[in-house]
PDB file of N, CA and C in Angstrom:
ATOM      1  N   MET A   1       6.418  -7.400 -11.590  1.00  0.00           N
ATOM      2  CA  MET A   1       5.488  -8.498 -10.276  1.00  0.00           C
ATOM      3  C   MET A   1       4.903  -7.759  -9.599  1.00  0.00           C
ATOM      4  N   ALA A   2       3.379  -7.910  -9.133  1.00  0.00           N
ATOM      5  CA  ALA A   2       2.447  -7.356  -8.602  1.00  0.00           C
ATOM      6  C   ALA A   2       2.910  -7.681  -6.824  1.00  0.00           C
ATOM      7  N   ILE A   3       2.792  -6.546  -6.334  1.00  0.00           N
ATOM      8  CA  ILE A   3       3.021  -6.436  -4.550  1.00  0.00           C
ATOM      9  C   ILE A   3       2.525  -6.084  -3.876  1.00  0.00           C
ATOM     10  N   ILE A   4       1.865  -6.175  -2.489  1.00  0.00           N
ATOM     11  CA  ILE A   4       1.295  -5.366  -1.386  1.00  0.00           C
ATOM     12  C   ILE A   4       2.624  -4.587  -0.498  1.00  0.00           C
ATOM     13  N   ILE A   5       2.200  -3.850   0.087  1.00  0.00           N
ATOM     14  CA  ILE A   5       2.961  -3.055   0.995  1.00  0.00           C
ATOM     15  C   ILE A   5       2.158  -2.585   2.415  1.00  0.00           C
ATOM     16  N   THR A   6       2.376  -3.135   3.495  1.00  0.00           N
ATOM     17  CA  THR A   6       1.975  -2.706   4.546  1.00  0.00           C
ATOM     18  C   THR A   6       2.571  -1.907   5.525  1.00  0.00           C
ATOM     19  N   TYR A   7       2.338  -0.561   6.274  1.00  0.00           N
ATOM     20  CA  TYR A   7       3.243  -0.208   6.578  1.00  0.00           C
ATOM     21  C   TYR A   7       2.502   0.598   8.417  1.00  0.00           C
ATOM     22  N   ASP A   8       3.300   0.979   9.264  1.00  0.00           N
ATOM     23  CA  ASP A   8       2.460   1.723   9.870  1.00  0.00           C
ATOM     24  C   ASP A   8       3.617   2.778  10.463  1.00  0.00           C
ATOM     25  N   VAL A   9       3.197   4.371  10.623  1.00  0.00           N
ATOM     26  CA  VAL A   9       3.351   5.326  10.705  1.00  0.00           C
ATOM     27  C   VAL A   9       2.878   6.169  12.066  1.00  0.00           C
ATOM     28  N   PRO A  10       3.464   7.054  13.019  1.00  0.00           N
ATOM     29  CA  PRO A  10       2.713   7.564  13.956  1.00  0.00           C
ATOM     30  C   PRO A  10       2.158   8.544  13.270  1.00  0.00           C
ATOM     31  N   SER A  11       2.255   9.230  12.455  1.00  0.00           N
ATOM     32  CA  SER A  11       1.451  10.819  11.919  1.00  0.00           C
ATOM     33  C   SER A  11       1.480  10.863  10.379  1.00  0.00           C
ATOM     34  N   LYS A  12       0.827  11.407   9.696  1.00  0.00           N
ATOM     35  CA  LYS A  12       0.657  11.985   8.510  1.00  0.00           C
ATOM     36  C   LYS A  12       0.361  10.613   7.539  1.00  0.00           C
ATOM     37  N   HIS A  13      -0.219   9.914   8.255  1.00  0.00           N
ATOM     38  CA  HIS A  13      -0.324   8.473   7.499  1.00  0.00           C
ATOM     39  C   HIS A  13      -1.420   8.638   6.127  1.00  0.00           C
ATOM     40  N   MET A  14      -2.322  10.021   6.302  1.00  0.00           N
ATOM     41  CA  MET A  14      -3.153  10.152   4.652  1.00  0.00           C
ATOM     42  C   MET A  14      -1.996  11.042   3.841  1.00  0.00           C
ATOM     43  N   GLU A  15      -1.066  11.881   4.295  1.00  0.00           N
ATOM     44  CA  GLU A  15      -0.026  11.944   3.228  1.00  0.00           C
ATOM     45  C   GLU A  15       0.972  11.715   2.956  1.00  0.00           C
ATOM     46  N   LEU A  16       1.248  10.525   3.348  1.00  0.00           N
ATOM     47  CA  LEU A  16       2.140   9.086   2.883  1.00  0.00           C
ATOM     48  C   LEU A  16       1.370   8.343   1.894  1.00  0.00           C
ATOM     49  N   LYS A  17       0.135   7.886   2.064  1.00  0.00           N
ATOM     50  CA  LYS A  17      -0.572   7.273   1.236  1.00  0.00           C
ATOM     51  C   LYS A  17      -1.139   8.040   0.099  1.00  0.00           C
ATOM     52  N   GLU A  18      -1.364   9.294   0.397  1.00  0.00           N
ATOM     53  CA  GLU A  18      -1.725  10.076  -0.864  1.00  0.00           C
ATOM     54  C   GLU A  18      -0.488  10.306  -2.024  1.00  0.00           C
ATOM     55  N   ALA A  19       1.197  10.487  -1.169  1.00  0.00           N
ATOM     56  CA  ALA A  19       2.172  10.351  -2.073  1.00  0.00           C
ATOM     57  C   ALA A  19       2.695   9.284  -2.565  1.00  0.00           C
ATOM     58  N   LEU A  20       2.034   7.856  -2.218  1.00  0.00           N
ATOM     59  CA  LEU A  20       2.445   6.852  -2.348  1.00  0.00           C
ATOM     60  C   LEU A  20       1.602   6.462  -3.780  1.00  0.00           C
ATOM     61  N   LEU A  21      -0.267   6.914  -3.274  1.00  0.00           N
ATOM     62  CA  LEU A  21      -1.170   6.886  -4.720  1.00  0.00           C
ATOM     63  C   LEU A  21      -0.639   7.557  -5.696  1.00  0.00           C
ATOM     64  N   ASN A  22       0.474   8.738  -5.610  1.00  0.00           N
ATOM     65  CA  ASN A  22       0.455   9.331  -7.019  1.00  0.00           C
ATOM     66  C   ASN A  22       1.921   8.955  -7.833  1.00  0.00           C
ATOM     67  N   LYS A  23       2.359   7.872  -6.790  1.00  0.00           N
ATOM     68  CA  LYS A  23       3.381   7.240  -7.611  1.00  0.00           C
ATOM     69  C   LYS A  23       2.985   5.886  -8.252  1.00  0.00           C
ATOM     70  N   GLY A  24       1.924   5.516  -7.833  1.00  0.00           N
ATOM     71  CA  GLY A  24       1.585   4.398  -8.853  1.00  0.00           C
ATOM     72  C   GLY A  24       0.391   3.313  -7.945  1.00  0.00           C
ATOM     73  N   TYR A  25       0.429   3.508  -6.473  1.00  0.00           N
ATOM     74  CA  TYR A  25       0.097   2.335  -5.691  1.00  0.00           C
ATOM     75  C   TYR A  25      -1.243   2.367  -5.942  1.00  0.00           C
ATOM     76  N   GLN A  26      -2.165   1.418  -5.448  1.00  0.00           N
ATOM     77  CA  GLN A  26      -3.739   1.321  -5.528  1.00  0.00           C
ATOM     78  C   GLN A  26      -3.779   1.615  -4.310  1.00  0.00           C
ATOM     79  N   ASP A  27      -5.191   1.390  -3.945  1.00  0.00           N
ATOM     80  CA  ASP A  27      -5.531   1.053  -2.089  1.00  0.00           C
ATOM     81  C   ASP A  27      -6.995   0.728  -2.367  1.00  0.00           C
ATOM     82  N   GLN A  28      -7.445   0.082  -4.146  1.00  0.00           N
ATOM     83  CA  GLN A  28      -8.289  -1.002  -3.973  1.00  0.00           C
ATOM     84  C   GLN A  28      -7.749  -1.389  -5.695  1.00  0.00           C
ATOM     85  N   ILE A  29      -8.365  -2.782  -5.926  1.00  0.00           N
ATOM     86  CA  ILE A  29      -8.033  -3.206  -7.253  1.00  0.00           C
ATOM     87  C   ILE A  29      -9.521  -4.158  -7.440  1.00  0.00           C
ATOM     88  N   PRO A  30      -9.806  -4.279  -8.751  1.00  0.00           N
ATOM     89  CA  PRO A  30     -10.649  -5.153  -8.941  1.00  0.00           C
ATOM     90  C   PRO A  30     -10.790  -6.441  -8.484  1.00  0.00           C
ATOM     91  N   GLY A  31     -11.777  -6.822  -8.084  1.00  0.00           N
ATOM     92  CA  GLY A  31     -11.572  -8.507  -7.799  1.00  0.00           C
ATOM     93  C   GLY A  31     -12.570  -9.406  -8.765  1.00  0.00           C
ATOM     94  N   LYS A  32     -12.289 -10.785  -8.717  1.00  0.00           N
ATOM     95  CA  LYS A  32     -12.883 -11.706  -9.578  1.00  0.00           C
ATOM     96  C   LYS A  32     -14.441 -12.156  -8.657  1.00  0.00           C
ATOM     97  N   THR A  33     -14.199 -12.371  -7.722  1.00  0.00           N
ATOM     98  CA  THR A  33     -15.551 -12.711  -6.176  1.00  0.00           C
ATOM     99  C   THR A  33     -16.688 -11.580  -6.283  1.00  0.00           C
ATOM    100  N   CYS A  34     -15.678 -10.193  -5.803  1.00  0.00           N
ATOM    101  CA  CYS A  34     -16.294  -9.228  -5.894  1.00  0.00           C
ATOM    102  C   CYS A  34     -16.383  -8.218  -6.600  1.00  0.00           C
ATOM    103  N   LYS A  35     -16.611  -7.201  -7.131  1.00  0.00           N
ATOM    104  CA  LYS A  35     -16.553  -5.907  -8.113  1.00  0.00           C
ATOM    105  C   LYS A  35     -15.190  -5.503  -8.069  1.00  0.00           C
ATOM    106  N   THR A  36     -14.779  -4.870  -6.417  1.00  0.00           N
ATOM    107  CA  THR A  36     -13.802  -4.294  -6.084  1.00  0.00           C
ATOM    108  C   THR A  36     -13.602  -4.878  -4.637  1.00  0.00           C
ATOM    109  N   ILE A  37     -12.012  -4.798  -4.683  1.00  0.00           N
ATOM    110  CA  ILE A  37     -11.312  -5.145  -3.275  1.00  0.00           C
ATOM    111  C   ILE A  37     -10.581  -4.259  -2.364  1.00  0.00           C
ATOM    112  N   TYR A  38     -11.209  -3.783  -1.251  1.00  0.00           N
ATOM    113  CA  TYR A  38     -10.206  -2.476  -0.673  1.00  0.00           C
ATOM    114  C   TYR A  38      -9.433  -2.910   0.168  1.00  0.00           C
ATOM    115  N   PHE A  39      -8.574  -2.888   0.337  1.00  0.00           N
ATOM    116  CA  PHE A  39      -7.045  -2.774   1.010  1.00  0.00           C
ATOM    117  C   PHE A  39      -7.549  -2.184   2.052  1.00  0.00           C
ATOM    118  N   PRO A  40      -7.019  -2.347   3.541  1.00  0.00           N
ATOM    119  CA  PRO A  40      -6.604  -1.721   4.618  1.00  0.00           C
ATOM    120  C   PRO A  40      -6.245  -0.462   4.337  1.00  0.00           C
ATOM    121  N   ASN A  41      -6.592   0.378   5.640  1.00  0.00           N
ATOM    122  CA  ASN A  41      -5.693   1.848   5.659  1.00  0.00           C
ATOM    123  C   ASN A  41      -4.231   2.167   4.680  1.00  0.00           C
ATOM    124  N   THR A  42      -3.385   1.197   5.699  1.00  0.00           N
ATOM    125  CA  THR A  42      -2.212   1.685   5.290  1.00  0.00           C
ATOM    126  C   THR A  42      -1.605   0.411   4.142  1.00  0.00           C
ATOM    127  N   THR A  43      -2.475  -0.409   3.455  1.00  0.00           N
ATOM    128  CA  THR A  43      -1.863  -1.303   2.811  1.00  0.00           C
ATOM    129  C   THR A  43      -2.110  -0.794   1.502  1.00  0.00           C
ATOM    130  N   LEU A  44      -1.091  -1.015   0.592  1.00  0.00           N
ATOM    131  CA  LEU A  44      -0.693  -0.617  -1.327  1.00  0.00           C
ATOM    132  C   LEU A  44      -0.982  -1.733  -1.586  1.00  0.00           C
ATOM    133  N   TYR A  45      -0.884  -1.819  -3.020  1.00  0.00           N
ATOM    134  CA  TYR A  45      -1.207  -2.550  -3.812  1.00  0.00           C
ATOM    135  C   TYR A  45      -0.180  -1.683  -5.418  1.00  0.00           C
ATOM    136  N   HIS A  46       0.930  -2.476  -6.059  1.00  0.00           N
ATOM    137  CA  HIS A  46       1.173  -2.144  -6.875  1.00  0.00           C
ATOM    138  C   HIS A  46       1.347  -2.887  -8.216  1.00  0.00           C
ATOM    139  N   SER A  47       1.314  -3.227  -9.459  1.00  0.00           N
ATOM    140  CA  SER A  47       1.140  -3.929 -10.126  1.00  0.00           C
ATOM    141  C   SER A  47       2.903  -4.130 -10.793  1.00  0.00           C
ATOM    142  N   SER A  48       3.471  -3.576 -10.489  1.00  0.00           N
ATOM    143  CA  SER A  48       4.774  -3.809 -11.285  1.00  0.00           C
ATOM    144  C   SER A  48       6.030  -3.670 -10.502  1.00  0.00           C
ATOM    145  N   LYS A  49       5.975  -3.409  -9.116  1.00  0.00           N
ATOM    146  CA  LYS A  49       6.874  -3.322  -8.182  1.00  0.00           C
ATOM    147  C   LYS A  49       7.391  -4.644  -7.698  1.00  0.00           C
ATOM    148  N   SER A  50       8.723  -4.228  -7.238  1.00  0.00           N
ATOM    149  CA  SER A  50       9.272  -5.315  -6.431  1.00  0.00           C
ATOM    150  C   SER A  50       9.335  -4.982  -5.090  1.00  0.00           C
ATOM    151  N   ALA A  51       9.289  -6.551  -4.173  1.00  0.00           N
ATOM    152  CA  ALA A  51       9.298  -5.763  -2.944  1.00  0.00           C
ATOM    153  C   ALA A  51      10.018  -4.776  -2.149  1.00  0.00           C
ATOM    154  N   SER A  52      11.147  -4.926  -2.259  1.00  0.00           N
ATOM    155  CA  SER A  52      12.474  -4.222  -2.076  1.00  0.00           C
ATOM    156  C   SER A  52      12.255  -2.628  -2.124  1.00  0.00           C
ATOM    157  N   ALA A  53      11.864  -2.879  -3.839  1.00  0.00           N
ATOM    158  CA  ALA A  53      11.673  -1.248  -4.192  1.00  0.00           C
ATOM    159  C   ALA A  53      10.364  -0.955  -3.605  1.00  0.00           C
ATOM    160  N   ALA A  54       9.477  -1.313  -3.564  1.00  0.00           N
ATOM    161  CA  ALA A  54       8.362  -0.485  -2.725  1.00  0.00           C
ATOM    162  C   ALA A  54       8.921  -0.559  -1.104  1.00  0.00           C
ATOM    163  N   ARG A  55       9.568  -0.933  -0.644  1.00  0.00           N
ATOM    164  CA  ARG A  55      10.104  -0.828   0.733  1.00  0.00           C
ATOM    165  C   ARG A  55      10.374   0.850   0.671  1.00  0.00           C
ATOM    166  N   GLU A  56      11.767   0.513  -0.276  1.00  0.00           N
ATOM    167  CA  GLU A  56      12.786   1.885  -0.143  1.00  0.00           C
ATOM    168  C   GLU A  56      11.676   3.324  -0.599  1.00  0.00           C
ATOM    169  N   GLU A  57      10.810   2.648  -1.393  1.00  0.00           N
ATOM    170  CA  GLU A  57      10.144   4.080  -1.903  1.00  0.00           C
ATOM    171  C   GLU A  57       9.381   4.758  -0.538  1.00  0.00           C
ATOM    172  N   VAL A  58       8.541   3.543  -0.024  1.00  0.00           N
ATOM    173  CA  VAL A  58       8.173   4.256   1.290  1.00  0.00           C
ATOM    174  C   VAL A  58       8.687   4.626   2.627  1.00  0.00           C
ATOM    175  N   LYS A  59      10.271   4.303   2.465  1.00  0.00           N
ATOM    176  CA  LYS A  59      11.237   4.927   3.448  1.00  0.00           C
ATOM    177  C   LYS A  59      11.597   6.347   2.969  1.00  0.00           C
ATOM    178  N   ALA A  60      11.506   6.411   1.735  1.00  0.00           N
ATOM    179  CA  ALA A  60      12.205   7.484   1.065  1.00  0.00           C
ATOM    180  C   ALA A  60      10.987   8.900   0.891  1.00  0.00           C
ATOM    181  N   GLU A  61       9.646   8.276   0.899  1.00  0.00           N
ATOM    182  CA  GLU A  61       8.698   9.344   1.246  1.00  0.00           C
ATOM    183  C   GLU A  61       8.570   9.687   2.758  1.00  0.00           C
ATOM    184  N   CYS A  62       8.529   8.512   3.852  1.00  0.00           N
ATOM    185  CA  CYS A  62       9.000   9.132   4.732  1.00  0.00           C
ATOM    186  C   CYS A  62      10.018  10.059   5.187  1.00  0.00           C
ATOM    187  N   LYS A  63      10.938  10.017   5.070  1.00  0.00           N
ATOM    188  CA  LYS A  63      12.022  10.929   5.252  1.00  0.00           C
ATOM    189  C   LYS A  63      11.770  12.087   4.505  1.00  0.00           C
ATOM    190  N   THR A  64      11.048  11.762   3.223  1.00  0.00           N
ATOM    191  CA  THR A  64      10.569  13.465   2.421  1.00  0.00           C
ATOM    192  C   THR A  64       9.273  14.488   3.577  1.00  0.00           C
ATOM    193  N   LEU A  65       8.626  13.388   4.163  1.00  0.00           N
ATOM    194  CA  LEU A  65       7.607  13.595   5.251  1.00  0.00           C
ATOM    195  C   LEU A  65       8.148  14.189   6.669  1.00  0.00           C
ATOM    196  N   ASN A  66       9.087  13.932   6.687  1.00  0.00           N
ATOM    197  CA  ASN A  66       9.420  13.646   8.190  1.00  0.00           C
ATOM    198  C   ASN A  66       9.096  13.047   9.282  1.00  0.00           C
ATOM    199  N   ILE A  67       8.320  11.945   8.678  1.00  0.00           N
ATOM    200  CA  ILE A  67       8.210  10.812   9.611  1.00  0.00           C
ATOM    201  C   ILE A  67       8.723   9.605  10.068  1.00  0.00           C
ATOM    202  N   THR A  68       8.530   9.223  11.165  1.00  0.00           N
ATOM    203  CA  THR A  68       9.117   7.630  11.319  1.00  0.00           C
ATOM    204  C   THR A  68       8.553   6.695  10.992  1.00  0.00           C
ATOM    205  N   LEU A  69       8.959   5.734  10.025  1.00  0.00           N
ATOM    206  CA  LEU A  69       8.252   4.629   9.490  1.00  0.00           C
ATOM    207  C   LEU A  69       8.401   3.269  10.714  1.00  0.00           C
ATOM    208  N   ASP A  70       7.486   3.066  11.154  1.00  0.00           N
ATOM    209  CA  ASP A  70       7.430   2.133  12.647  1.00  0.00           C
ATOM    210  C   ASP A  70       7.563   0.871  12.101  1.00  0.00           C
ATOM    211  N   ARG A  71       6.950   0.469  11.215  1.00  0.00           N
ATOM    212  CA  ARG A  71       7.039  -0.846  10.567  1.00  0.00           C
ATOM    213  C   ARG A  71       6.261  -0.963   8.758  1.00  0.00           C
ATOM    214  N   CYS A  72       7.026  -2.230   8.367  1.00  0.00           N
ATOM    215  CA  CYS A  72       6.992  -2.160   6.928  1.00  0.00           C
ATOM    216  C   CYS A  72       7.061  -3.357   6.246  1.00  0.00           C
ATOM    217  N   VAL A  73       5.967  -4.120   5.797  1.00  0.00           N
ATOM    218  CA  VAL A  73       6.224  -5.250   5.425  1.00  0.00           C
ATOM    219  C   VAL A  73       5.791  -5.253   3.690  1.00  0.00           C
ATOM    220  N   ALA A  74       6.696  -5.460   2.597  1.00  0.00           N
ATOM    221  CA  ALA A  74       6.074  -5.753   1.449  1.00  0.00           C
ATOM    222  C   ALA A  74       6.456  -7.121   0.781  1.00  0.00           C
ATOM    223  N   THR A  75       5.464  -7.517  -0.246  1.00  0.00           N
ATOM    224  CA  THR A  75       5.597  -8.777  -0.050  1.00  0.00           C
ATOM    225  C   THR A  75       4.733  -8.901  -1.767  1.00  0.00           C
ATOM    226  N   LYS A  76       5.286  -9.890  -2.812  1.00  0.00           N
ATOM    227  CA  LYS A  76       4.531 -10.578  -3.679  1.00  0.00           C
ATOM    228  C   LYS A  76       3.168 -10.989  -3.714  1.00  0.00           C
ATOM    229  N   TRP A  77       2.388 -10.143  -4.497  1.00  0.00           N
ATOM    230  CA  TRP A  77       1.338 -10.374  -4.414  1.00  0.00           C
ATOM    231  C   TRP A  77       0.970 -11.912  -5.075  1.00  0.00           C
ATOM    232  N   ASP A  78       0.412 -12.919  -4.609  1.00  0.00           N
ATOM    233  CA  ASP A  78       0.590 -14.028  -5.362  1.00  0.00           C
ATOM    234  C   ASP A  78      -0.850 -14.912  -5.048  1.00  0.00           C
ATOM    235  N   ASP A  79      -0.531 -15.804  -4.116  1.00  0.00           N
ATOM    236  CA  ASP A  79      -1.902 -16.580  -3.492  1.00  0.00           C
ATOM    237  C   ASP A  79      -2.472 -15.760  -2.528  1.00  0.00           C
ATOM    238  N   TRP A  80      -3.667 -15.233  -2.591  1.00  0.00           N
ATOM    239  CA  TRP A  80      -4.141 -14.692  -1.689  1.00  0.00           C
ATOM    240  C   TRP A  80      -5.600 -14.937  -1.551  1.00  0.00           C
ATOM    241  N   SER A  81      -6.527 -14.678  -0.690  1.00  0.00           N
ATOM    242  CA  SER A  81      -7.787 -14.306  -0.003  1.00  0.00           C
ATOM    243  C   SER A  81      -7.989 -12.866   0.544  1.00  0.00           C
ATOM    244  N   ALA A  82      -9.174 -12.466  -0.107  1.00  0.00           N
ATOM    245  CA  ALA A  82      -9.604 -11.231   0.919  1.00  0.00           C
ATOM    246  C   ALA A  82     -11.177 -11.122   1.024  1.00  0.00           C
ATOM    247  N   ILE A  83     -11.410 -10.226   2.015  1.00  0.00           N
ATOM    248  CA  ILE A  83     -12.701  -9.748   2.645  1.00  0.00           C
ATOM    249  C   ILE A  83     -13.218  -8.465   2.087  1.00  0.00           C
ATOM    250  N   CYS A  84     -13.674  -8.723   0.446  1.00  0.00           N
ATOM    251  CA  CYS A  84     -13.859  -7.321  -0.449  1.00  0.00           C
ATOM    252  C   CYS A  84     -13.802  -6.262   0.334  1.00  0.00           C
ATOM    253  N   GLY A  85     -14.636  -6.014   1.642  1.00  0.00           N
ATOM    254  CA  GLY A  85     -14.849  -4.740   2.439  1.00  0.00           C
ATOM    255  C   GLY A  85     -15.682  -3.576   1.400  1.00  0.00           C
ATOM    256  N   GLU A  86     -15.648  -2.613   2.075  1.00  0.00           N
ATOM    257  CA  GLU A  86     -15.782  -0.875   1.368  1.00  0.00           C
ATOM    258  C   GLU A  86     -15.485  -0.169   1.447  1.00  0.00           C
ATOM    259  N   ALA A  87     -15.549   0.779   0.404  1.00  0.00           N
ATOM    260  CA  ALA A  87     -15.192   2.407   0.088  1.00  0.00           C
ATOM    261  C   ALA A  87     -14.721   3.097   1.562  1.00  0.00           C
ATOM    262  N   PHE A  88     -13.770   3.724   1.436  1.00  0.00           N
ATOM    263  CA  PHE A  88     -13.414   4.612   2.544  1.00  0.00           C
ATOM    264  C   PHE A  88     -14.294   5.702   2.612  1.00  0.00           C
ATOM    265  N   LYS A  89     -15.163   5.836   3.561  1.00  0.00           N
ATOM    266  CA  LYS A  89     -15.808   7.560   3.498  1.00  0.00           C
ATOM    267  C   LYS A  89     -14.652   8.754   3.738  1.00  0.00           C
TER     268      LYS A  89
END
């Protein structure tokens, strides 16, 4: 099942995002109405993780990076609507 996960950390947000991208998470996916859907800074997509597995993976990466995970929500990517956005610069 596909999921999205969003999180807040007080520091090292780019290091955490990079670690998760290396584990197969994505910060953009192909769209139907638009060519690409770009997710907000601390939101990622995974095509085959469960929500709880993604949450545990983020917690583990935060521990490895020695950062506090302030907030985290993971949910099944199911019925959705998006503003496609633009690539990060």
